[in-house]
Amino acid sequence: MNNTRSTPASYDETTPVLIVGGSLIGLSISLFLSRQGIAPLVVERHPGTAIHPRVASLTARTMEIYRSAGIEEEIRREEPPFSHKYGVMFVESLTGEVIDNLMEDMSAYFSEVSPVEGNGIAQDQLEPVLRSQAEMAGADLRYHTELVEFNADEEGISAMIRDRASGAVRHVRAKYMIAADGSRSGIRKQLGIDQHGEGTICHLVSIIFEADLKAHFQNQNAHMCFIANDSLSGTLVLYPGTSRRPDLYRLDVVYDPDEETIADFPEERCLALIEAAVGIPDLSVTMKKALTWEMSARVSDRFQDNRVFLVGDAARVQPPSGALGGNTGISEAQNLAWKLAAVLRGEAGAGLLNTYDTERRPLADYTVEQVVMLSQQREHEGSEGITVDTHTLNMGYRYDTGALIPDDNERDLPLIQQPELWTGQPGTRAPHIMLEKEDKAISSLDLFGSRFVLLTGEDGQGWVEAARLVEGKLQLQLDMYRIGGNNGDLGNAANNFLDAYGITATGAVLVRPDGFIGWRQPVAGDRQDMACTLTHALSTILFRKDKYSA
């Protein structure tokens, strides 16, 4: 690719957003954008969705995000059985001596602070769902199509894409481009964006196969085992099957790329490694694929270069421990999608886009650091002083600056803590509480996803009236709800809304489309100032030039 190529005088087509990479994260952000009314063009060099499991396990927070995008039910139809009790075995072989069996911390998947449960769906099962839903929402997905070169200028992106089957080339003009092209991102390299972090940890060969081994995992309530014997040291993972495919297994073994290549792992050697890992002679095995990959920990020095944004593995890559790579990437995609949509619709200033890097990159640094610690903990079980709370990493972080207005007393607040300890502080995930709408129980999280939402107590009618005025002034659609009491738009039988969101019955909070608190005022001020206050709050969050106008 060449980012200095001269811009052609004409284009074959234009698009608001060009997404390079149509795997898990590229598909997710194409869906999120399409749900916001922005139809992107996605190019993916492979001929279709993932054919190997790769990422598995979606946390409760990730399922909240997909729920807000309207596809939770579609994913549930494909998900395999998933348990509150999953163990990690340390064994001589799958059927040999069990050295230890540790129960996984499943709080990131099953939590009282969320209305949904996580699930164990693998990437090859999830991507077809995302593809179908994104296409129905309006995304233009083109598989077996690659980015040849691009030129980024102050007004947009000029790109050349090529159909890998026919060789046909098209010139595309986009207002923005998203690099979802993986850990070896060519776009990142062409932009000259360096990375920092621990770097390469090891190189592995993944052997994907079918076999009748599920009962051995079920007997231990396990889904993964670390294996150490005279023949190999590696990891064996179960990917439960569904209607789309049977159970699959992945055996990872370390190799030295200076000494060996994938050609040194023919089927005969792979079968011998599987037999050593399982401990069953003459096991009936169907080989699917052997491929190499690098376990590493790297974070890009910046997630944005003018009109180009890095997401997923292009932005940061980490060990698979805790299954946080894909889940983190989906959160990145959601954060960027609503901001791009707001700018493209003319509702926000371009400065809003800078907050993608401001909010997500510090969190990426912290998450990668913690996952490396978790990986070390698993490899050296018993290491003292290493504790990693994946539940807190998923839901308990706070943006301290970005598309938000911090409370005046927030200077000493932690940047991450258990999610149940937050009470509506700007920059934190809006808390889940149960509400009643037309005699039907819903979660507060069901109110968020497409636009800003104003929540106020039962005595907050002044805020609702002010919000209606602000809608017209800023040409911005808002949803408004008074919660609780006899006068509320939504019931709250538990009477816990005010405490959960840290306001009084006259106070108000603004929740962003991604379900994060953008602003709050615990107690109402002068009724005549409410419209001015809301105008200032929304305009500040959205980086609008009119932010100080009344």
Protein backbone atom coordinates (compact mmCIF):
# COMPACT_ATOMS: atom_id res chain seq x y z
CA MET A 1 0.00 0.00 0.00
CA ASN A 2 1.05 3.55 -0.65
CA ASN A 3 -0.39 6.47 1.27
CA THR A 4 1.25 9.12 -0.90
CA ARG A 5 -0.47 8.20 -4.14
CA SER A 6 -2.01 11.12 -6.04
CA THR A 7 -5.81 11.35 -5.81
CA PRO A 8 -7.56 10.31 -9.03
CA ALA A 9 -9.85 12.84 -10.66
CA SER A 10 -12.88 10.58 -10.44
CA TYR A 11 -14.03 7.56 -8.47
CA ASP A 12 -16.03 4.48 -9.26
CA GLU A 13 -17.97 4.90 -6.02
CA THR A 14 -18.11 6.80 -2.73
CA THR A 15 -18.87 5.67 0.79
CA PRO A 16 -19.05 7.44 4.15
CA VAL A 17 -16.80 4.83 5.79
CA LEU A 18 -14.43 2.28 4.26
CA ILE A 19 -13.72 -0.63 6.61
CA VAL A 20 -10.70 -2.73 5.72
CA GLY A 21 -11.10 -6.15 7.30
CA GLY A 22 -14.36 -8.08 7.58
CA SER A 23 -13.60 -10.42 10.43
CA LEU A 24 -15.06 -10.21 13.97
CA ILE A 25 -14.30 -6.53 14.67
CA GLY A 26 -14.81 -5.27 11.13
CA LEU A 27 -18.20 -6.98 10.97
CA SER A 28 -19.16 -5.65 14.39
CA ILE A 29 -18.40 -2.02 13.59
CA SER A 30 -20.13 -2.34 10.21
CA LEU A 31 -23.23 -3.51 12.07
CA PHE A 32 -23.02 -0.74 14.67
CA LEU A 33 -22.61 1.94 12.00
CA SER A 34 -25.45 0.55 9.91
CA ARG A 35 -27.75 0.54 12.94
CA GLN A 36 -26.89 4.26 13.31
CA GLY A 37 -27.92 4.93 9.70
CA ILE A 38 -24.40 4.97 8.23
CA ALA A 39 -23.93 2.28 5.56
CA PRO A 40 -20.21 1.43 5.28
CA LEU A 41 -18.27 -0.42 2.60
CA VAL A 42 -16.35 -3.40 4.00
CA VAL A 43 -13.58 -5.18 2.10
CA GLU A 44 -12.26 -8.53 3.33
CA ARG A 45 -9.47 -10.37 1.52
CA HIS A 46 -10.69 -13.84 2.50
CA PRO A 47 -13.54 -15.45 0.52
CA GLY A 48 -15.94 -15.65 3.46
CA THR A 49 -16.37 -15.54 7.22
CA ALA A 50 -14.03 -17.39 9.59
CA ILE A 51 -13.76 -21.14 9.03
CA HIS A 52 -11.85 -21.79 12.28
CA PRO A 53 -13.01 -21.10 15.85
CA ARG A 54 -10.33 -18.61 16.93
CA VAL A 55 -11.92 -16.22 19.46
CA ALA A 56 -14.52 -17.82 21.75
CA SER A 57 -16.58 -16.58 24.68
CA LEU A 58 -18.47 -13.31 24.71
CA THR A 59 -18.64 -11.58 28.09
CA ALA A 60 -21.83 -10.17 29.57
CA ARG A 61 -20.67 -6.67 28.60
CA THR A 62 -20.17 -7.74 24.99
CA MET A 63 -23.62 -9.28 24.93
CA GLU A 64 -25.00 -5.98 26.30
CA ILE A 65 -23.43 -4.27 23.30
CA TYR A 66 -24.89 -6.76 20.84
CA ARG A 67 -28.23 -6.50 22.67
CA SER A 68 -28.22 -2.73 22.11
CA ALA A 69 -27.57 -3.43 18.43
CA GLY A 70 -30.66 -5.65 18.35
CA ILE A 71 -29.01 -9.02 17.66
CA GLU A 72 -28.89 -10.78 21.03
CA GLU A 73 -31.64 -13.22 20.05
CA GLU A 74 -29.91 -14.11 16.77
CA ILE A 75 -26.68 -14.90 18.62
CA ARG A 76 -28.53 -16.94 21.26
CA ARG A 77 -29.93 -19.16 18.52
CA GLU A 78 -26.39 -20.18 17.59
CA GLU A 79 -24.67 -20.28 20.98
CA PRO A 80 -23.44 -23.61 22.39
CA PRO A 81 -24.16 -24.72 25.97
CA PHE A 82 -22.36 -22.49 28.47
CA SER A 83 -21.87 -23.10 32.18
CA HIS A 84 -21.41 -21.00 35.30
CA LYS A 85 -18.73 -23.52 36.24
CA TYR A 86 -15.80 -23.89 33.89
CA GLY A 87 -12.44 -25.21 34.94
CA VAL A 88 -8.90 -25.06 33.64
CA MET A 89 -7.02 -28.33 34.02
CA PHE A 90 -3.30 -28.77 34.49
CA VAL A 91 -2.66 -32.33 33.31
CA GLU A 92 -0.10 -34.83 32.10
CA SER A 93 -2.57 -35.51 29.26
CA LEU A 94 -6.32 -35.13 28.83
CA THR A 95 -6.92 -38.69 30.06
CA GLY A 96 -3.82 -38.89 32.24
CA GLU A 97 -2.89 -37.57 35.66
CA VAL A 98 -4.66 -34.38 36.74
CA ILE A 99 -2.13 -32.13 38.44
CA ASP A 100 -4.66 -29.42 39.27
CA ASN A 101 -8.11 -28.26 38.23
CA LEU A 102 -8.93 -24.63 38.90
CA MET A 103 -12.38 -23.13 38.52
CA GLU A 104 -12.42 -20.16 36.18
CA ASP A 105 -13.62 -16.78 37.40
CA MET A 106 -16.85 -16.59 35.38
CA SER A 107 -18.02 -13.26 36.84
CA ALA A 108 -17.35 -11.53 33.51
CA TYR A 109 -19.98 -13.81 31.96
CA PHE A 110 -22.54 -14.20 34.76
CA SER A 111 -23.05 -11.05 36.83
CA GLU A 112 -25.88 -9.52 38.84
CA VAL A 113 -24.92 -6.09 37.47
CA SER A 114 -25.96 -7.14 33.95
CA PRO A 115 -29.34 -8.15 32.50
CA VAL A 116 -27.69 -10.67 30.17
CA GLU A 117 -25.35 -13.63 30.40
CA GLY A 118 -22.24 -14.14 28.33
CA ASN A 119 -21.84 -17.18 26.13
CA GLY A 120 -19.26 -19.49 24.66
CA ILE A 121 -19.88 -18.90 20.97
CA ALA A 122 -16.77 -19.18 18.79
CA GLN A 123 -15.79 -16.84 16.00
CA ASP A 124 -16.70 -19.20 13.17
CA GLN A 125 -20.22 -19.47 14.61
CA LEU A 126 -20.61 -15.77 15.37
CA GLU A 127 -19.34 -14.18 12.17
CA PRO A 128 -22.14 -15.53 9.91
CA VAL A 129 -24.68 -13.98 12.30
CA LEU A 130 -22.87 -10.64 12.22
CA ARG A 131 -22.56 -10.78 8.43
CA SER A 132 -26.26 -11.47 7.92
CA GLN A 133 -27.37 -8.78 10.36
CA ALA A 134 -24.94 -6.16 9.00
CA GLU A 135 -26.07 -6.78 5.42
CA MET A 136 -29.73 -6.52 6.40
CA ALA A 137 -28.95 -3.25 8.16
CA GLY A 138 -27.41 -1.82 4.97
CA ALA A 139 -23.67 -2.57 5.07
CA ASP A 140 -21.97 -3.35 1.75
CA LEU A 141 -19.75 -6.38 2.47
CA ARG A 142 -17.33 -7.50 -0.23
CA TYR A 143 -15.39 -10.66 0.43
CA HIS A 144 -12.35 -11.82 -1.53
CA THR A 145 -11.61 -8.13 -2.01
CA GLU A 146 -8.43 -6.41 -0.87
CA LEU A 147 -7.16 -2.88 -0.33
CA VAL A 148 -4.39 -2.24 -2.84
CA GLU A 149 -3.40 1.29 -1.86
CA PHE A 150 -4.77 4.43 -0.31
CA ASN A 151 -4.16 8.13 0.03
CA ALA A 152 -5.34 9.96 3.13
CA ASP A 153 -5.84 13.71 2.81
CA GLU A 154 -7.56 16.40 4.86
CA GLU A 155 -10.93 15.80 3.21
CA GLY A 156 -11.07 12.01 3.09
CA ILE A 157 -9.58 8.78 1.78
CA SER A 158 -8.91 7.77 -1.81
CA ALA A 159 -8.49 4.01 -2.06
CA MET A 160 -7.98 1.36 -4.70
CA ILE A 161 -9.61 -2.00 -4.02
CA ARG A 162 -9.27 -5.21 -6.03
CA ASP A 163 -11.48 -8.27 -6.47
CA ARG A 164 -9.03 -11.12 -5.84
CA ALA A 165 -10.98 -13.54 -8.04
CA SER A 166 -11.42 -11.41 -11.17
CA GLY A 167 -8.59 -8.92 -10.64
CA ALA A 168 -11.04 -6.05 -11.27
CA VAL A 169 -9.96 -2.78 -9.66
CA ARG A 170 -12.18 0.01 -8.38
CA HIS A 171 -11.38 3.47 -7.03
CA VAL A 172 -13.27 4.42 -3.90
CA ARG A 173 -13.61 7.74 -2.11
CA ALA A 174 -14.48 7.61 1.60
CA LYS A 175 -14.84 10.26 4.25
CA TYR A 176 -13.22 7.97 6.84
CA MET A 177 -11.40 4.66 6.90
CA ILE A 178 -11.25 2.03 9.64
CA ALA A 179 -8.29 -0.35 9.81
CA ALA A 180 -9.65 -3.67 11.08
CA ASP A 181 -6.92 -5.55 9.21
CA GLY A 182 -5.40 -7.47 12.09
CA SER A 183 -2.23 -7.55 14.13
CA ARG A 184 -0.01 -7.17 11.06
CA SER A 185 -2.04 -4.21 9.83
CA GLY A 186 -0.64 -2.88 6.58
CA ILE A 187 -2.58 0.34 7.11
CA ARG A 188 -0.94 0.94 10.48
CA LYS A 189 2.48 0.32 9.01
CA GLN A 190 1.90 2.68 6.08
CA LEU A 191 0.79 5.40 8.48
CA GLY A 192 4.01 4.96 10.43
CA ILE A 193 2.27 4.20 13.71
CA ASP A 194 4.65 2.38 16.06
CA GLN A 195 3.68 0.03 18.86
CA HIS A 196 4.84 -0.45 22.42
CA GLY A 197 4.58 -3.23 24.98
CA GLU A 198 6.17 -6.53 25.85
CA GLY A 199 6.25 -7.64 22.22
CA THR A 200 6.52 -11.26 21.11
CA ILE A 201 5.89 -13.79 23.86
CA CYS A 202 6.07 -16.98 21.82
CA HIS A 203 5.18 -18.55 18.47
CA LEU A 204 2.66 -21.37 18.27
CA VAL A 205 1.20 -23.92 15.91
CA SER A 206 -2.55 -24.38 16.29
CA ILE A 207 -3.88 -27.78 15.24
CA ILE A 208 -7.65 -27.77 14.67
CA PHE A 209 -9.35 -31.18 14.68
CA GLU A 210 -12.50 -33.18 15.35
CA ALA A 211 -12.60 -36.07 17.81
CA ASP A 212 -14.86 -37.62 20.45
CA LEU A 213 -13.38 -35.98 23.56
CA LYS A 214 -16.17 -33.89 25.03
CA ALA A 215 -16.96 -36.30 27.86
CA HIS A 216 -13.40 -36.02 29.18
CA PHE A 217 -13.79 -32.25 29.49
CA GLN A 218 -17.28 -32.52 30.95
CA ASN A 219 -16.11 -34.91 33.66
CA GLN A 220 -13.83 -32.14 34.92
CA ASN A 221 -16.24 -29.23 34.19
CA ALA A 222 -13.41 -27.87 32.06
CA HIS A 223 -13.04 -26.23 28.68
CA MET A 224 -9.25 -25.96 28.54
CA CYS A 225 -6.26 -27.91 29.76
CA PHE A 226 -2.57 -27.11 30.02
CA ILE A 227 -0.57 -30.21 29.11
CA ALA A 228 2.97 -31.13 30.09
CA ASN A 229 4.55 -34.51 29.35
CA ASP A 230 7.67 -35.95 27.76
CA SER A 231 6.31 -35.42 24.23
CA LEU A 232 4.92 -31.91 24.38
CA SER A 233 3.97 -28.86 26.35
CA GLY A 234 0.84 -27.19 25.09
CA THR A 235 -2.78 -26.20 25.50
CA LEU A 236 -5.91 -28.10 24.44
CA VAL A 237 -9.18 -26.16 24.05
CA LEU A 238 -12.74 -27.36 23.45
CA TYR A 239 -15.03 -25.42 21.10
CA PRO A 240 -18.55 -26.85 21.65
CA GLY A 241 -20.54 -27.46 18.51
CA THR A 242 -23.96 -26.21 17.43
CA SER A 243 -26.21 -26.75 14.44
CA ARG A 244 -23.55 -25.07 12.29
CA ARG A 245 -20.75 -27.51 13.08
CA PRO A 246 -19.66 -30.38 15.37
CA ASP A 247 -17.38 -30.03 18.39
CA LEU A 248 -13.91 -28.82 17.48
CA TYR A 249 -10.64 -28.87 19.40
CA ARG A 250 -7.50 -26.77 19.17
CA LEU A 251 -4.10 -27.95 20.28
CA ASP A 252 -1.50 -25.20 20.63
CA VAL A 253 2.19 -26.10 20.80
CA VAL A 254 5.15 -23.73 20.89
CA TYR A 255 7.64 -23.76 18.03
CA ASP A 256 10.73 -21.76 17.06
CA PRO A 257 10.20 -19.93 13.74
CA ASP A 258 13.98 -19.74 13.29
CA GLU A 259 14.11 -23.52 13.27
CA GLU A 260 10.76 -24.63 11.83
CA THR A 261 7.88 -23.55 9.59
CA ILE A 262 4.34 -24.82 9.14
CA ALA A 263 5.74 -27.21 6.53
CA ASP A 264 7.47 -29.04 9.37
CA PHE A 265 4.07 -29.96 10.81
CA PRO A 266 2.59 -32.44 8.32
CA GLU A 267 -0.55 -34.36 9.24
CA GLU A 268 1.41 -37.35 10.57
CA ARG A 269 3.27 -35.18 13.08
CA CYS A 270 0.11 -33.31 14.06
CA LEU A 271 -1.71 -36.57 14.75
CA ALA A 272 1.17 -37.75 16.93
CA LEU A 273 1.03 -34.53 18.92
CA ILE A 274 -2.74 -34.88 19.35
CA GLU A 275 -2.32 -38.46 20.59
CA ALA A 276 0.32 -37.33 23.11
CA ALA A 277 -1.90 -34.52 24.33
CA VAL A 278 -4.99 -36.68 24.67
CA GLY A 279 -3.37 -39.88 25.90
CA ILE A 280 -5.58 -42.21 23.84
CA PRO A 281 -3.73 -44.49 21.35
CA ASP A 282 -5.26 -44.81 17.89
CA LEU A 283 -7.80 -42.08 18.58
CA SER A 284 -10.13 -41.39 15.66
CA VAL A 285 -9.22 -37.85 14.58
CA THR A 286 -10.28 -35.69 11.65
CA MET A 287 -7.69 -33.02 10.96
CA LYS A 288 -9.11 -29.66 9.90
CA LYS A 289 -6.16 -27.29 9.73
CA ALA A 290 -2.76 -26.45 11.15
CA LEU A 291 -1.71 -22.82 11.24
CA THR A 292 0.89 -20.67 12.95
CA TRP A 293 0.38 -17.56 15.07
CA GLU A 294 2.32 -15.25 17.32
CA MET A 295 1.35 -14.63 20.94
CA SER A 296 2.32 -11.05 21.69
CA ALA A 297 1.45 -7.96 23.67
CA ARG A 298 1.55 -4.68 21.77
CA VAL A 299 -0.43 -1.43 21.82
CA SER A 300 -0.30 1.10 19.01
CA ASP A 301 1.12 4.49 19.95
CA ARG A 302 -2.05 6.12 18.62
CA PHE A 303 -5.41 4.79 17.45
CA GLN A 304 -6.12 7.60 14.99
CA ASP A 305 -4.32 9.29 12.13
CA ASN A 306 -6.51 12.12 10.87
CA ARG A 307 -9.39 10.30 9.13
CA VAL A 308 -8.07 6.75 9.69
CA PHE A 309 -8.83 4.73 12.82
CA LEU A 310 -7.35 1.50 14.16
CA VAL A 311 -9.61 -1.07 15.83
CA GLY A 312 -9.19 -4.59 17.16
CA ASP A 313 -5.83 -6.30 16.68
CA ALA A 314 -4.68 -3.45 14.45
CA ALA A 315 -4.90 -1.21 17.52
CA ARG A 316 -3.65 -3.62 20.20
CA VAL A 317 -2.93 -7.31 20.49
CA GLN A 318 -2.66 -9.42 23.62
CA PRO A 319 -2.43 -13.05 24.80
CA PRO A 320 -5.71 -15.02 24.64
CA SER A 321 -5.93 -15.49 28.42
CA GLY A 322 -9.28 -14.30 29.72
CA ALA A 323 -10.70 -14.14 26.16
CA LEU A 324 -10.44 -10.36 26.34
CA GLY A 325 -8.98 -9.64 22.91
CA GLY A 326 -12.16 -9.95 20.88
CA ASN A 327 -14.34 -8.57 23.68
CA THR A 328 -12.10 -5.51 24.00
CA GLY A 329 -12.17 -4.99 20.24
CA ILE A 330 -15.98 -5.06 20.18
CA SER A 331 -16.07 -2.35 22.86
CA GLU A 332 -13.63 -0.29 20.78
CA ALA A 333 -15.88 -0.71 17.75
CA GLN A 334 -18.94 0.46 19.67
CA ASN A 335 -17.08 3.49 21.04
CA LEU A 336 -15.96 4.60 17.59
CA ALA A 337 -19.17 3.80 15.72
CA TRP A 338 -21.52 6.19 17.53
CA LYS A 339 -18.97 9.00 17.27
CA LEU A 340 -18.46 8.53 13.54
CA ALA A 341 -22.21 8.38 13.03
CA ALA A 342 -22.76 11.61 14.99
CA VAL A 343 -20.13 13.46 12.97
CA LEU A 344 -21.36 12.12 9.62
CA ARG A 345 -24.94 13.10 10.47
CA GLY A 346 -23.77 16.63 11.27
CA GLU A 347 -24.71 16.33 14.94
CA ALA A 348 -21.16 16.64 16.27
CA GLY A 349 -17.94 18.43 15.52
CA ALA A 350 -14.94 16.52 14.18
CA GLY A 351 -13.20 16.93 17.54
CA LEU A 352 -15.48 14.21 18.91
CA LEU A 353 -13.51 11.65 16.88
CA ASN A 354 -10.32 12.45 18.76
CA THR A 355 -11.93 11.10 21.91
CA TYR A 356 -11.82 7.57 20.50
CA ASP A 357 -8.06 7.53 21.09
CA THR A 358 -8.36 9.54 24.32
CA GLU A 359 -10.82 7.09 25.84
CA ARG A 360 -9.74 3.73 24.47
CA ARG A 361 -5.93 3.79 24.25
CA PRO A 362 -5.20 4.20 27.99
CA LEU A 363 -7.63 1.36 28.65
CA ALA A 364 -5.87 -0.78 26.04
CA ASP A 365 -2.55 -0.24 27.80
CA TYR A 366 -4.03 -1.31 31.12
CA THR A 367 -5.92 -4.29 29.70
CA VAL A 368 -2.92 -5.68 27.81
CA GLU A 369 -0.78 -5.32 30.92
CA GLN A 370 -3.36 -7.21 33.01
CA VAL A 371 -3.82 -9.98 30.43
CA VAL A 372 -0.07 -10.56 30.30
CA MET A 373 -0.17 -10.96 34.07
CA LEU A 374 -3.08 -13.41 33.76
CA SER A 375 -1.16 -15.41 31.15
CA GLN A 376 1.83 -15.59 33.46
CA GLN A 377 -0.40 -16.63 36.34
CA ARG A 378 -1.77 -19.56 34.36
CA GLU A 379 1.63 -20.71 33.21
CA HIS A 380 3.11 -20.48 36.69
CA GLU A 381 0.15 -21.33 38.89
CA GLY A 382 0.80 -20.39 42.47
CA SER A 383 2.63 -17.14 41.66
CA GLU A 384 1.99 -14.79 44.53
CA GLY A 385 0.60 -11.31 44.15
CA ILE A 386 -0.96 -11.81 40.70
CA THR A 387 -4.71 -11.22 40.60
CA VAL A 388 -6.63 -10.23 37.47
CA ASP A 389 -10.35 -9.47 37.66
CA THR A 390 -11.70 -9.90 34.12
CA HIS A 391 -15.17 -8.78 35.26
CA THR A 392 -13.79 -5.42 36.37
CA LEU A 393 -11.76 -5.12 33.16
CA ASN A 394 -14.96 -5.58 31.15
CA MET A 395 -17.35 -3.33 33.04
CA GLY A 396 -15.57 -1.40 35.76
CA TYR A 397 -13.44 1.12 33.87
CA ARG A 398 -14.00 4.88 33.78
CA TYR A 399 -13.09 7.33 31.05
CA ASP A 400 -11.62 10.30 32.90
CA THR A 401 -11.52 12.55 29.85
CA GLY A 402 -13.09 12.50 26.41
CA ALA A 403 -16.71 12.87 25.28
CA LEU A 404 -17.97 13.66 28.77
CA ILE A 405 -18.19 16.33 31.45
CA PRO A 406 -16.62 15.07 34.69
CA ASP A 407 -18.21 15.80 38.04
CA ASP A 408 -16.43 18.51 39.99
CA ASN A 409 -15.46 16.04 42.73
CA GLU A 410 -14.04 13.30 40.48
CA ARG A 411 -10.35 14.10 40.70
CA ASP A 412 -9.56 11.39 43.25
CA LEU A 413 -11.77 8.65 41.82
CA PRO A 414 -10.09 5.43 40.61
CA LEU A 415 -10.00 4.73 36.88
CA ILE A 416 -11.12 1.14 37.38
CA GLN A 417 -12.96 -0.70 40.13
CA GLN A 418 -15.69 -3.30 40.55
CA PRO A 419 -18.65 -2.15 38.43
CA GLU A 420 -21.15 -2.38 41.29
CA LEU A 421 -19.21 0.38 43.09
CA TRP A 422 -19.93 3.00 40.43
CA THR A 423 -23.02 5.15 40.91
CA GLY A 424 -23.52 7.04 37.68
CA GLN A 425 -20.25 8.99 37.53
CA PRO A 426 -19.62 10.51 34.06
CA GLY A 427 -17.34 8.26 32.05
CA THR A 428 -18.68 5.03 33.57
CA ARG A 429 -21.04 2.41 32.17
CA ALA A 430 -24.63 3.32 32.99
CA PRO A 431 -25.80 0.94 35.73
CA HIS A 432 -28.30 -1.82 35.09
CA ILE A 433 -31.48 -1.60 37.15
CA MET A 434 -34.87 -3.17 36.53
CA LEU A 435 -37.67 -0.89 35.33
CA GLU A 436 -41.29 -1.34 34.35
CA LYS A 437 -42.62 -0.14 31.01
CA GLU A 438 -46.29 -0.73 30.26
CA ASP A 439 -46.37 -3.53 32.86
CA LYS A 440 -43.36 -5.20 31.26
CA ALA A 441 -40.03 -5.59 33.07
CA ILE A 442 -37.07 -4.12 31.18
CA SER A 443 -33.48 -3.21 31.99
CA SER A 444 -32.34 0.38 32.08
CA LEU A 445 -29.75 -0.72 29.50
CA ASP A 446 -32.58 -1.40 27.04
CA LEU A 447 -33.09 2.37 26.82
CA PHE A 448 -29.67 2.97 25.27
CA GLY A 449 -28.07 2.27 21.92
CA SER A 450 -29.06 4.69 19.17
CA ARG A 451 -29.19 8.22 20.62
CA PHE A 452 -28.55 10.26 23.75
CA VAL A 453 -30.93 9.49 26.60
CA LEU A 454 -31.92 11.91 29.38
CA LEU A 455 -32.87 10.18 32.63
CA THR A 456 -34.38 12.10 35.51
CA GLY A 457 -36.25 11.41 38.72
CA GLU A 458 -40.01 11.63 39.07
CA ASP A 459 -39.76 15.36 39.84
CA GLY A 460 -37.67 16.12 36.76
CA GLN A 461 -40.39 17.35 34.43
CA GLY A 462 -38.43 20.59 34.01
CA TRP A 463 -35.54 18.64 32.48
CA VAL A 464 -37.87 16.87 30.06
CA GLU A 465 -39.36 20.17 28.91
CA ALA A 466 -35.87 21.64 28.57
CA ALA A 467 -34.72 18.63 26.53
CA ARG A 468 -37.56 19.16 24.05
CA LEU A 469 -36.37 22.71 23.51
CA VAL A 470 -32.76 21.56 23.10
CA GLU A 471 -33.78 18.98 20.49
CA GLY A 472 -35.01 21.75 18.23
CA LYS A 473 -32.12 24.07 18.97
CA LEU A 474 -29.39 21.49 18.28
CA GLN A 475 -31.33 19.50 15.68
CA LEU A 476 -30.61 16.39 17.73
CA GLN A 477 -33.00 13.60 18.68
CA LEU A 478 -33.11 12.73 22.37
CA ASP A 479 -35.00 10.13 24.37
CA MET A 480 -36.29 11.35 27.76
CA TYR A 481 -37.62 9.38 30.71
CA ARG A 482 -38.74 10.27 34.21
CA ILE A 483 -38.21 7.23 36.41
CA GLY A 484 -40.02 6.11 39.55
CA GLY A 485 -42.83 7.31 41.76
CA ASN A 486 -46.40 7.89 40.62
CA ASN A 487 -45.51 10.41 37.90
CA GLY A 488 -42.65 8.64 36.18
CA ASP A 489 -42.66 7.47 32.57
CA LEU A 490 -41.08 4.21 33.75
CA GLY A 491 -41.70 2.39 36.99
CA ASN A 492 -38.95 1.37 39.38
CA ALA A 493 -40.43 -1.04 41.92
CA ALA A 494 -37.07 -1.55 43.63
CA ASN A 495 -36.82 2.22 44.13
CA ASN A 496 -33.09 2.10 43.38
CA PHE A 497 -32.75 4.40 40.36
CA LEU A 498 -31.69 7.52 42.23
CA ASP A 499 -29.02 5.73 44.27
CA ALA A 500 -27.74 3.77 41.25
CA TYR A 501 -27.28 6.94 39.20
CA GLY A 502 -26.23 9.26 42.00
CA ILE A 503 -28.95 11.90 41.66
CA THR A 504 -32.00 13.22 43.54
CA ALA A 505 -35.60 13.19 42.32
CA THR A 506 -34.95 16.56 40.62
CA GLY A 507 -31.57 15.64 39.13
CA ALA A 508 -30.71 14.33 35.65
CA VAL A 509 -28.11 12.33 33.72
CA LEU A 510 -27.25 12.14 30.03
CA VAL A 511 -26.37 8.69 28.74
CA ARG A 512 -24.40 8.43 25.49
CA PRO A 513 -25.44 6.06 22.68
CA ASP A 514 -22.80 3.58 23.86
CA GLY A 515 -24.41 3.35 27.30
CA PHE A 516 -21.83 5.48 29.14
CA ILE A 517 -22.70 8.45 31.32
CA GLY A 518 -21.77 11.70 29.60
CA TRP A 519 -23.02 14.25 32.16
CA ARG A 520 -25.10 14.50 35.29
CA GLN A 521 -26.49 17.10 37.64
CA PRO A 522 -27.59 15.55 40.95
CA VAL A 523 -29.94 18.40 41.93
CA ALA A 524 -31.90 20.69 39.61
CA GLY A 525 -30.97 24.35 39.54
CA ASP A 526 -33.03 27.27 38.30
CA ARG A 527 -35.78 25.94 36.01
CA GLN A 528 -35.14 28.71 33.49
CA ASP A 529 -31.49 27.65 33.18
CA MET A 530 -32.19 23.97 32.43
CA ALA A 531 -32.30 24.35 28.64
CA CYS A 532 -29.07 26.36 28.71
CA THR A 533 -27.43 23.74 30.94
CA LEU A 534 -28.47 20.87 28.66
CA THR A 535 -27.41 22.76 25.54
CA HIS A 536 -24.00 23.38 27.05
CA ALA A 537 -23.66 19.76 28.17
CA LEU A 538 -24.57 18.20 24.84
CA SER A 539 -22.59 20.72 22.81
CA THR A 540 -19.51 20.15 24.96
CA ILE A 541 -19.75 16.37 24.70
CA LEU A 542 -20.32 16.58 20.95
CA PHE A 543 -17.64 19.24 20.34
CA ARG A 544 -20.07 21.64 18.72
CA LYS A 545 -19.11 25.24 18.10
CA ASP A 546 -22.37 26.43 19.65
CA LYS A 547 -21.56 24.88 23.03
CA TYR A 548 -21.73 28.17 24.93
CA SER A 549 -24.87 29.47 23.25
CA ALA A 550 -28.07 29.68 25.26
